[in-house]
Every structure is written in C-alpha cells, then in structure tokens.
C-alpha cells in the first residue's frame, strides 16, 4: 500500500480535522490476554491509536505479529471514521509514531490528507497506557 485509493481520500477529507495529536504504535501482547486464540495470545501485537490531546483510545486492534504495516493504517482509518466512544469521527492534525520506517510509510500513505506524521523515540501517553494494561494482567 503506497497510498490510499482516491475514493478513500475523498471520504476522509470530508471528515472534520481537529487540532489534536494522536499517538500510535504496535505493542507485543506477550500472553497478556488469555481469551485470545493461542497464536495471538503468545505471538500477537496490539495496535493502538490514542488521542493525546483528549487522553482516550480511539482504536485498538489485535493482530498477528507478522502482519504488515497496512494493519496500522487500517486501525488509523478506524480511529478516524469510527472511533471508540466518546470520540467523534475526526482527522487529527498530527500523528506521532516511534518507528522511523512506520513514519515514512504513513507519510506516503496519508499524502493529501493534511496530517503531519512525526517521529518521537518515546510516546509517553501510549507507553503509560500499555504499562497500565500490563499491570492489570491476571496472574
């Protein structure tokens, strides 16, 4: 996936843009979720998009670890078009990831949507959220 189809871009451009920054990443599940099929529970990843301005999760998806970067784009589109409550559909002004390859991939895919794609080595809100998930893991 080098770029989104034109019809998808037009659909997304009709969604209002908000002056928010979202953090996104793929994080290893490492047995945290017992209710998943064994392959996902032991070798899966969780894609999370968090609205850093509002402080809530817009989308969350569990995938196989060997799934390509297109999965993070699908999760982002879900965060934009049909986010978890209480969020409303919106395009962020900026997204931040902590993987340089993913940054460049997303820049290419999101061209024409007026979304800044930035890199930061740490994503404090997302890291804290993931740490909290790990702390509530049943033993």
N, C-alpha and C. Protein backbone atom coordinates (compact mmCIF):
# COMPACT_ATOMS: atom_id res chain seq x y z
N UNK A 1 0.86 -1.18 0.00
CA UNK A 1 0.00 0.00 0.00
C UNK A 1 0.90 1.23 0.00
N UNK A 2 0.98 1.88 -1.15
CA UNK A 2 1.78 3.09 -1.25
C UNK A 2 0.98 4.34 -0.95
N UNK A 3 -0.31 4.29 -1.27
CA UNK A 3 -1.20 5.40 -0.95
C UNK A 3 -2.63 4.87 -0.89
N UNK A 4 -3.48 5.67 -0.31
CA UNK A 4 -4.88 5.30 -0.19
C UNK A 4 -5.58 5.49 -1.53
N UNK A 5 -6.61 4.69 -1.80
CA UNK A 5 -7.40 4.93 -3.01
C UNK A 5 -8.03 6.33 -2.98
N UNK A 6 -8.21 6.91 -4.14
CA UNK A 6 -8.77 8.27 -4.22
C UNK A 6 -10.13 8.36 -3.54
N UNK A 7 -10.96 7.33 -3.69
CA UNK A 7 -12.29 7.37 -3.06
C UNK A 7 -12.18 7.42 -1.54
N UNK A 8 -11.19 6.71 -0.98
CA UNK A 8 -10.97 6.74 0.47
C UNK A 8 -10.48 8.12 0.91
N UNK A 9 -9.55 8.69 0.14
CA UNK A 9 -9.05 10.03 0.45
C UNK A 9 -10.18 11.05 0.46
N UNK A 10 -11.05 11.00 -0.55
CA UNK A 10 -12.17 11.94 -0.62
C UNK A 10 -13.11 11.76 0.58
N UNK A 11 -13.36 10.51 0.95
CA UNK A 11 -14.23 10.23 2.10
C UNK A 11 -13.62 10.80 3.38
N UNK A 12 -12.30 10.61 3.54
CA UNK A 12 -11.61 11.09 4.74
C UNK A 12 -11.51 12.61 4.77
N UNK A 13 -11.36 13.23 3.61
CA UNK A 13 -11.27 14.69 3.55
C UNK A 13 -12.57 15.36 3.96
N UNK A 14 -13.69 14.65 3.87
CA UNK A 14 -14.99 15.21 4.30
C UNK A 14 -15.16 15.17 5.82
N UNK A 15 -14.30 14.42 6.49
CA UNK A 15 -14.37 14.34 7.95
C UNK A 15 -13.62 15.54 8.52
N UNK A 16 -14.20 16.25 9.49
CA UNK A 16 -13.54 17.45 10.03
C UNK A 16 -12.17 17.14 10.63
N UNK A 17 -11.26 18.08 10.43
CA UNK A 17 -9.93 17.95 11.04
C UNK A 17 -9.92 18.71 12.35
N UNK A 18 -9.33 18.10 13.37
CA UNK A 18 -9.24 18.72 14.69
C UNK A 18 -7.78 18.98 15.03
N UNK A 19 -7.49 19.99 15.84
CA UNK A 19 -6.10 20.34 16.16
C UNK A 19 -5.52 19.44 17.26
N UNK A 20 -5.63 18.14 17.08
CA UNK A 20 -5.16 17.18 18.08
C UNK A 20 -3.96 16.41 17.57
N UNK A 21 -3.20 15.85 18.51
CA UNK A 21 -2.07 14.98 18.21
C UNK A 21 -2.41 13.59 18.70
N UNK A 22 -2.29 12.60 17.81
CA UNK A 22 -2.55 11.21 18.18
C UNK A 22 -1.25 10.44 18.19
N UNK A 23 -1.15 9.50 19.14
CA UNK A 23 -0.01 8.60 19.21
C UNK A 23 -0.46 7.22 18.75
N UNK A 24 0.40 6.54 17.98
CA UNK A 24 0.06 5.20 17.51
C UNK A 24 1.26 4.29 17.52
N UNK A 25 1.00 3.01 17.80
CA UNK A 25 2.10 2.05 17.83
C UNK A 25 1.55 0.63 17.80
N UNK A 26 2.46 -0.31 17.55
CA UNK A 26 2.20 -1.75 17.64
C UNK A 26 2.96 -2.24 18.86
N UNK A 27 2.27 -2.92 19.76
CA UNK A 27 2.89 -3.36 21.01
C UNK A 27 2.69 -4.86 21.18
N UNK A 28 3.71 -5.58 21.66
CA UNK A 28 3.60 -7.03 21.83
C UNK A 28 2.66 -7.40 22.98
N UNK A 29 1.82 -8.38 22.72
CA UNK A 29 0.85 -8.82 23.74
C UNK A 29 1.51 -9.70 24.79
N UNK A 30 2.40 -10.58 24.38
CA UNK A 30 3.17 -11.45 25.28
C UNK A 30 2.31 -12.14 26.34
N UNK A 31 1.25 -12.80 25.93
CA UNK A 31 0.44 -13.58 26.86
C UNK A 31 -0.44 -12.77 27.79
N UNK A 32 -0.61 -11.47 27.54
CA UNK A 32 -1.41 -10.63 28.43
C UNK A 32 -2.90 -10.95 28.38
N UNK A 33 -3.36 -11.47 27.25
CA UNK A 33 -4.79 -11.68 27.07
C UNK A 33 -5.08 -13.16 26.87
N UNK A 34 -5.59 -13.80 27.91
CA UNK A 34 -5.84 -15.23 27.88
C UNK A 34 -7.02 -15.62 27.00
N UNK A 35 -7.92 -14.70 26.72
CA UNK A 35 -9.12 -15.03 25.97
C UNK A 35 -8.91 -15.04 24.45
N UNK A 36 -7.68 -14.82 23.99
CA UNK A 36 -7.40 -14.84 22.56
C UNK A 36 -7.01 -16.24 22.12
N UNK A 37 -7.12 -16.47 20.80
CA UNK A 37 -6.63 -17.75 20.29
C UNK A 37 -5.13 -17.85 20.60
N UNK A 38 -4.62 -19.07 20.84
CA UNK A 38 -3.24 -19.23 21.31
C UNK A 38 -2.18 -18.51 20.47
N UNK A 39 -2.32 -18.53 19.15
CA UNK A 39 -1.31 -17.88 18.31
C UNK A 39 -1.24 -16.37 18.57
N UNK A 40 -2.40 -15.75 18.76
CA UNK A 40 -2.42 -14.31 19.03
C UNK A 40 -1.97 -14.01 20.46
N UNK A 41 -2.38 -14.84 21.41
CA UNK A 41 -2.03 -14.59 22.82
C UNK A 41 -0.52 -14.64 23.03
N UNK A 42 0.16 -15.52 22.31
CA UNK A 42 1.60 -15.69 22.52
C UNK A 42 2.46 -14.96 21.50
N UNK A 43 1.91 -14.70 20.32
CA UNK A 43 2.72 -14.09 19.27
C UNK A 43 1.92 -13.00 18.55
N UNK A 44 1.12 -12.26 19.29
CA UNK A 44 0.32 -11.20 18.69
C UNK A 44 0.80 -9.83 19.09
N UNK A 45 0.25 -8.86 18.43
CA UNK A 45 0.54 -7.47 18.76
C UNK A 45 -0.78 -6.71 18.83
N UNK A 46 -0.74 -5.61 19.53
CA UNK A 46 -1.92 -4.77 19.66
C UNK A 46 -1.58 -3.41 19.05
N UNK A 47 -2.41 -3.00 18.10
CA UNK A 47 -2.26 -1.67 17.51
C UNK A 47 -3.18 -0.74 18.28
N UNK A 48 -2.62 0.37 18.74
CA UNK A 48 -3.41 1.34 19.49
C UNK A 48 -3.18 2.73 18.91
N UNK A 49 -4.28 3.46 18.73
CA UNK A 49 -4.23 4.88 18.40
C UNK A 49 -4.90 5.63 19.54
N UNK A 50 -4.14 6.53 20.16
CA UNK A 50 -4.60 7.30 21.31
C UNK A 50 -4.62 8.78 20.95
N UNK A 51 -5.69 9.45 21.31
CA UNK A 51 -5.77 10.90 21.13
C UNK A 51 -5.03 11.53 22.31
N UNK A 52 -3.84 12.02 22.03
CA UNK A 52 -3.02 12.61 23.09
C UNK A 52 -3.57 13.91 23.63
N UNK A 53 -4.40 14.59 22.86
CA UNK A 53 -4.98 15.85 23.31
C UNK A 53 -6.15 15.61 24.26
N UNK A 54 -6.92 14.57 24.00
CA UNK A 54 -8.08 14.26 24.83
C UNK A 54 -7.79 13.15 25.85
N UNK A 55 -6.77 12.34 25.57
CA UNK A 55 -6.38 11.30 26.51
C UNK A 55 -7.22 10.04 26.47
N UNK A 56 -7.78 9.69 25.31
CA UNK A 56 -8.51 8.44 25.25
C UNK A 56 -8.16 7.64 24.00
N UNK A 57 -8.46 6.34 24.07
CA UNK A 57 -8.16 5.41 22.97
C UNK A 57 -9.20 5.60 21.88
N UNK A 58 -8.74 5.83 20.67
CA UNK A 58 -9.65 5.96 19.52
C UNK A 58 -9.85 4.63 18.83
N UNK A 59 -8.80 3.80 18.76
CA UNK A 59 -8.96 2.46 18.19
C UNK A 59 -7.91 1.54 18.79
N UNK A 60 -8.28 0.24 18.81
CA UNK A 60 -7.39 -0.78 19.35
C UNK A 60 -7.71 -2.07 18.59
N UNK A 61 -6.68 -2.73 18.11
CA UNK A 61 -6.87 -3.93 17.30
C UNK A 61 -5.76 -4.93 17.58
N UNK A 62 -6.11 -6.21 17.72
CA UNK A 62 -5.13 -7.27 17.93
C UNK A 62 -4.85 -7.93 16.59
N UNK A 63 -3.57 -8.10 16.28
CA UNK A 63 -3.14 -8.69 15.01
C UNK A 63 -2.04 -9.71 15.24
N UNK A 64 -1.77 -10.54 14.23
CA UNK A 64 -0.62 -11.44 14.28
C UNK A 64 0.64 -10.60 14.13
N UNK A 65 1.71 -11.00 14.80
CA UNK A 65 2.95 -10.22 14.80
C UNK A 65 3.54 -10.05 13.40
N UNK A 66 3.29 -11.00 12.51
CA UNK A 66 3.89 -10.91 11.18
C UNK A 66 3.03 -10.13 10.19
N UNK A 67 1.97 -9.49 10.65
CA UNK A 67 1.11 -8.67 9.79
C UNK A 67 1.86 -7.42 9.36
N UNK A 68 1.70 -7.03 8.11
CA UNK A 68 2.42 -5.88 7.56
C UNK A 68 1.93 -4.54 8.10
N UNK A 69 2.59 -3.45 7.68
CA UNK A 69 2.26 -2.12 8.17
C UNK A 69 0.88 -1.61 7.73
N UNK A 70 0.26 -2.30 6.77
CA UNK A 70 -1.08 -1.90 6.33
C UNK A 70 -2.07 -1.98 7.48
N UNK A 71 -1.81 -2.89 8.44
CA UNK A 71 -2.72 -3.05 9.58
C UNK A 71 -2.79 -1.78 10.42
N UNK A 72 -1.68 -1.09 10.57
CA UNK A 72 -1.70 0.14 11.37
C UNK A 72 -2.46 1.24 10.64
N UNK A 73 -2.42 1.20 9.30
CA UNK A 73 -3.21 2.15 8.51
C UNK A 73 -4.69 1.86 8.69
N UNK A 74 -5.08 0.58 8.61
CA UNK A 74 -6.49 0.22 8.81
C UNK A 74 -6.97 0.65 10.19
N UNK A 75 -6.14 0.46 11.20
CA UNK A 75 -6.52 0.87 12.56
C UNK A 75 -6.64 2.40 12.65
N UNK A 76 -5.77 3.12 11.95
CA UNK A 76 -5.85 4.58 11.93
C UNK A 76 -7.14 5.03 11.23
N UNK A 77 -7.48 4.40 10.12
CA UNK A 77 -8.72 4.75 9.42
C UNK A 77 -9.93 4.51 10.32
N UNK A 78 -9.87 3.43 11.08
CA UNK A 78 -10.94 3.14 12.04
C UNK A 78 -11.00 4.23 13.11
N UNK A 79 -9.83 4.67 13.59
CA UNK A 79 -9.76 5.73 14.61
C UNK A 79 -10.34 7.03 14.07
N UNK A 80 -10.16 7.28 12.78
CA UNK A 80 -10.68 8.50 12.16
C UNK A 80 -12.19 8.39 11.92
N UNK A 81 -12.61 7.29 11.31
CA UNK A 81 -14.00 7.18 10.85
C UNK A 81 -14.99 6.65 11.87
N UNK A 82 -14.56 5.68 12.67
CA UNK A 82 -15.49 5.09 13.65
C UNK A 82 -14.76 4.78 14.95
N UNK A 83 -14.36 5.84 15.67
CA UNK A 83 -13.59 5.65 16.90
C UNK A 83 -14.45 5.13 18.04
N UNK A 84 -13.74 4.62 19.07
CA UNK A 84 -14.42 4.20 20.30
C UNK A 84 -15.09 5.42 20.94
N UNK A 85 -16.18 5.16 21.64
CA UNK A 85 -16.86 6.23 22.41
C UNK A 85 -15.91 6.75 23.48
N UNK A 86 -15.92 7.98 23.81
CA UNK A 86 -16.85 9.05 23.45
C UNK A 86 -16.40 9.86 22.24
N UNK A 87 -15.37 9.41 21.54
CA UNK A 87 -14.83 10.17 20.42
C UNK A 87 -15.80 10.23 19.24
N UNK A 88 -15.71 11.31 18.50
CA UNK A 88 -16.49 11.51 17.27
C UNK A 88 -15.54 11.37 16.08
N UNK A 89 -16.04 11.01 14.91
CA UNK A 89 -15.19 10.94 13.73
C UNK A 89 -14.43 12.25 13.52
N UNK A 90 -13.13 12.14 13.27
CA UNK A 90 -12.29 13.32 13.06
C UNK A 90 -10.94 12.89 12.51
N UNK A 91 -10.31 13.82 11.79
CA UNK A 91 -8.93 13.63 11.33
C UNK A 91 -8.03 14.43 12.26
N UNK A 92 -6.94 13.84 12.72
CA UNK A 92 -6.03 14.61 13.58
C UNK A 92 -5.19 15.57 12.74
N UNK A 93 -4.69 16.58 13.39
CA UNK A 93 -3.76 17.49 12.72
C UNK A 93 -2.39 16.82 12.59
N UNK A 94 -2.08 15.97 13.58
CA UNK A 94 -0.75 15.36 13.61
C UNK A 94 -0.84 13.99 14.25
N UNK A 95 -0.04 13.04 13.74
CA UNK A 95 0.12 11.76 14.40
C UNK A 95 1.60 11.55 14.68
N UNK A 96 1.89 10.83 15.76
CA UNK A 96 3.26 10.59 16.18
C UNK A 96 3.45 9.09 16.37
N UNK A 97 4.55 8.57 15.83
CA UNK A 97 4.91 7.16 15.99
C UNK A 97 6.36 7.09 16.44
N UNK A 98 6.76 5.93 16.99
CA UNK A 98 8.15 5.82 17.46
C UNK A 98 8.95 4.83 16.63
N UNK A 99 8.54 4.63 15.41
CA UNK A 99 9.25 3.77 14.47
C UNK A 99 9.47 4.57 13.19
N UNK A 100 10.74 4.80 12.84
CA UNK A 100 11.07 5.63 11.68
C UNK A 100 10.50 5.06 10.37
N UNK A 101 10.61 3.73 10.19
CA UNK A 101 10.07 3.13 8.97
C UNK A 101 8.57 3.35 8.87
N UNK A 102 7.88 3.20 9.98
CA UNK A 102 6.44 3.42 10.00
C UNK A 102 6.13 4.89 9.70
N UNK A 103 6.93 5.80 10.22
CA UNK A 103 6.73 7.22 9.94
C UNK A 103 6.76 7.49 8.44
N UNK A 104 7.79 6.96 7.76
CA UNK A 104 7.91 7.20 6.33
C UNK A 104 6.80 6.51 5.55
N UNK A 105 6.42 5.32 5.99
CA UNK A 105 5.33 4.59 5.35
C UNK A 105 4.03 5.40 5.45
N UNK A 106 3.72 5.87 6.65
CA UNK A 106 2.49 6.64 6.87
C UNK A 106 2.50 7.97 6.12
N UNK A 107 3.66 8.60 6.03
CA UNK A 107 3.74 9.85 5.26
C UNK A 107 3.31 9.63 3.82
N UNK A 108 3.76 8.52 3.24
CA UNK A 108 3.39 8.22 1.86
C UNK A 108 1.91 7.90 1.73
N UNK A 109 1.41 7.07 2.61
CA UNK A 109 0.02 6.63 2.54
C UNK A 109 -0.95 7.79 2.78
N UNK A 110 -0.62 8.69 3.68
CA UNK A 110 -1.54 9.75 4.08
C UNK A 110 -1.39 11.05 3.29
N UNK A 111 -0.60 11.03 2.22
CA UNK A 111 -0.42 12.24 1.41
C UNK A 111 -1.77 12.77 0.96
N UNK A 112 -1.93 14.07 1.04
CA UNK A 112 -3.15 14.72 0.59
C UNK A 112 -4.23 14.83 1.65
N UNK A 113 -3.96 14.34 2.87
CA UNK A 113 -4.96 14.43 3.94
C UNK A 113 -4.63 15.50 4.97
N UNK A 114 -3.56 16.26 4.76
CA UNK A 114 -3.16 17.34 5.67
C UNK A 114 -2.93 16.84 7.10
N UNK A 115 -2.34 15.65 7.22
CA UNK A 115 -1.99 15.10 8.52
C UNK A 115 -0.47 15.05 8.61
N UNK A 116 0.09 15.73 9.59
CA UNK A 116 1.53 15.70 9.81
C UNK A 116 1.87 14.37 10.47
N UNK A 117 2.88 13.68 9.94
CA UNK A 117 3.33 12.42 10.51
C UNK A 117 4.71 12.66 11.08
N UNK A 118 4.84 12.51 12.41
CA UNK A 118 6.10 12.83 13.09
C UNK A 118 6.64 11.61 13.82
N UNK A 119 7.89 11.70 14.19
CA UNK A 119 8.58 10.64 14.93
C UNK A 119 9.00 11.17 16.29
N UNK A 120 8.82 10.35 17.32
CA UNK A 120 9.37 10.63 18.65
C UNK A 120 9.84 9.29 19.19
N UNK A 121 11.00 9.24 19.80
CA UNK A 121 11.51 7.96 20.32
C UNK A 121 10.69 7.42 21.49
N UNK A 122 9.94 8.28 22.15
CA UNK A 122 9.08 7.87 23.27
C UNK A 122 7.69 8.43 23.04
N UNK A 123 6.69 7.63 23.38
CA UNK A 123 5.30 8.08 23.33
C UNK A 123 4.73 7.94 24.73
N UNK A 124 4.87 8.95 25.57
CA UNK A 124 4.55 8.84 26.99
C UNK A 124 3.12 8.36 27.29
N UNK A 125 2.14 8.93 26.63
CA UNK A 125 0.76 8.55 26.90
C UNK A 125 0.50 7.09 26.53
N UNK A 126 0.95 6.70 25.37
CA UNK A 126 0.76 5.33 24.92
C UNK A 126 1.54 4.34 25.78
N UNK A 127 2.77 4.69 26.13
CA UNK A 127 3.57 3.83 26.99
C UNK A 127 2.93 3.64 28.36
N UNK A 128 2.39 4.72 28.91
CA UNK A 128 1.72 4.64 30.21
C UNK A 128 0.46 3.77 30.13
N UNK A 129 -0.30 3.96 29.07
CA UNK A 129 -1.50 3.15 28.86
C UNK A 129 -1.14 1.67 28.77
N UNK A 130 -0.12 1.34 28.01
CA UNK A 130 0.29 -0.06 27.84
C UNK A 130 0.80 -0.63 29.16
N UNK A 131 1.53 0.17 29.92
CA UNK A 131 2.01 -0.28 31.23
C UNK A 131 0.83 -0.59 32.15
N UNK A 132 -0.20 0.25 32.11
CA UNK A 132 -1.39 0.00 32.92
C UNK A 132 -2.08 -1.29 32.51
N UNK A 133 -2.15 -1.56 31.20
CA UNK A 133 -2.72 -2.82 30.74
C UNK A 133 -1.92 -4.01 31.28
N UNK A 134 -0.62 -3.90 31.27
CA UNK A 134 0.22 -5.00 31.76
C UNK A 134 0.04 -5.20 33.26
N UNK A 135 -0.19 -4.14 34.00
CA UNK A 135 -0.36 -4.24 35.45
C UNK A 135 -1.67 -4.91 35.86
N UNK A 136 -2.70 -4.84 35.01
CA UNK A 136 -3.96 -5.46 35.37
C UNK A 136 -4.08 -6.88 34.82
N UNK A 137 -3.02 -7.35 34.22
CA UNK A 137 -2.98 -8.71 33.65
C UNK A 137 -3.17 -9.74 34.75
N UNK A 138 -4.09 -10.70 34.54
CA UNK A 138 -4.29 -11.74 35.56
C UNK A 138 -3.09 -12.67 35.65
N UNK A 139 -2.75 -13.09 36.87
CA UNK A 139 -1.59 -13.99 37.05
C UNK A 139 -2.00 -15.44 37.01
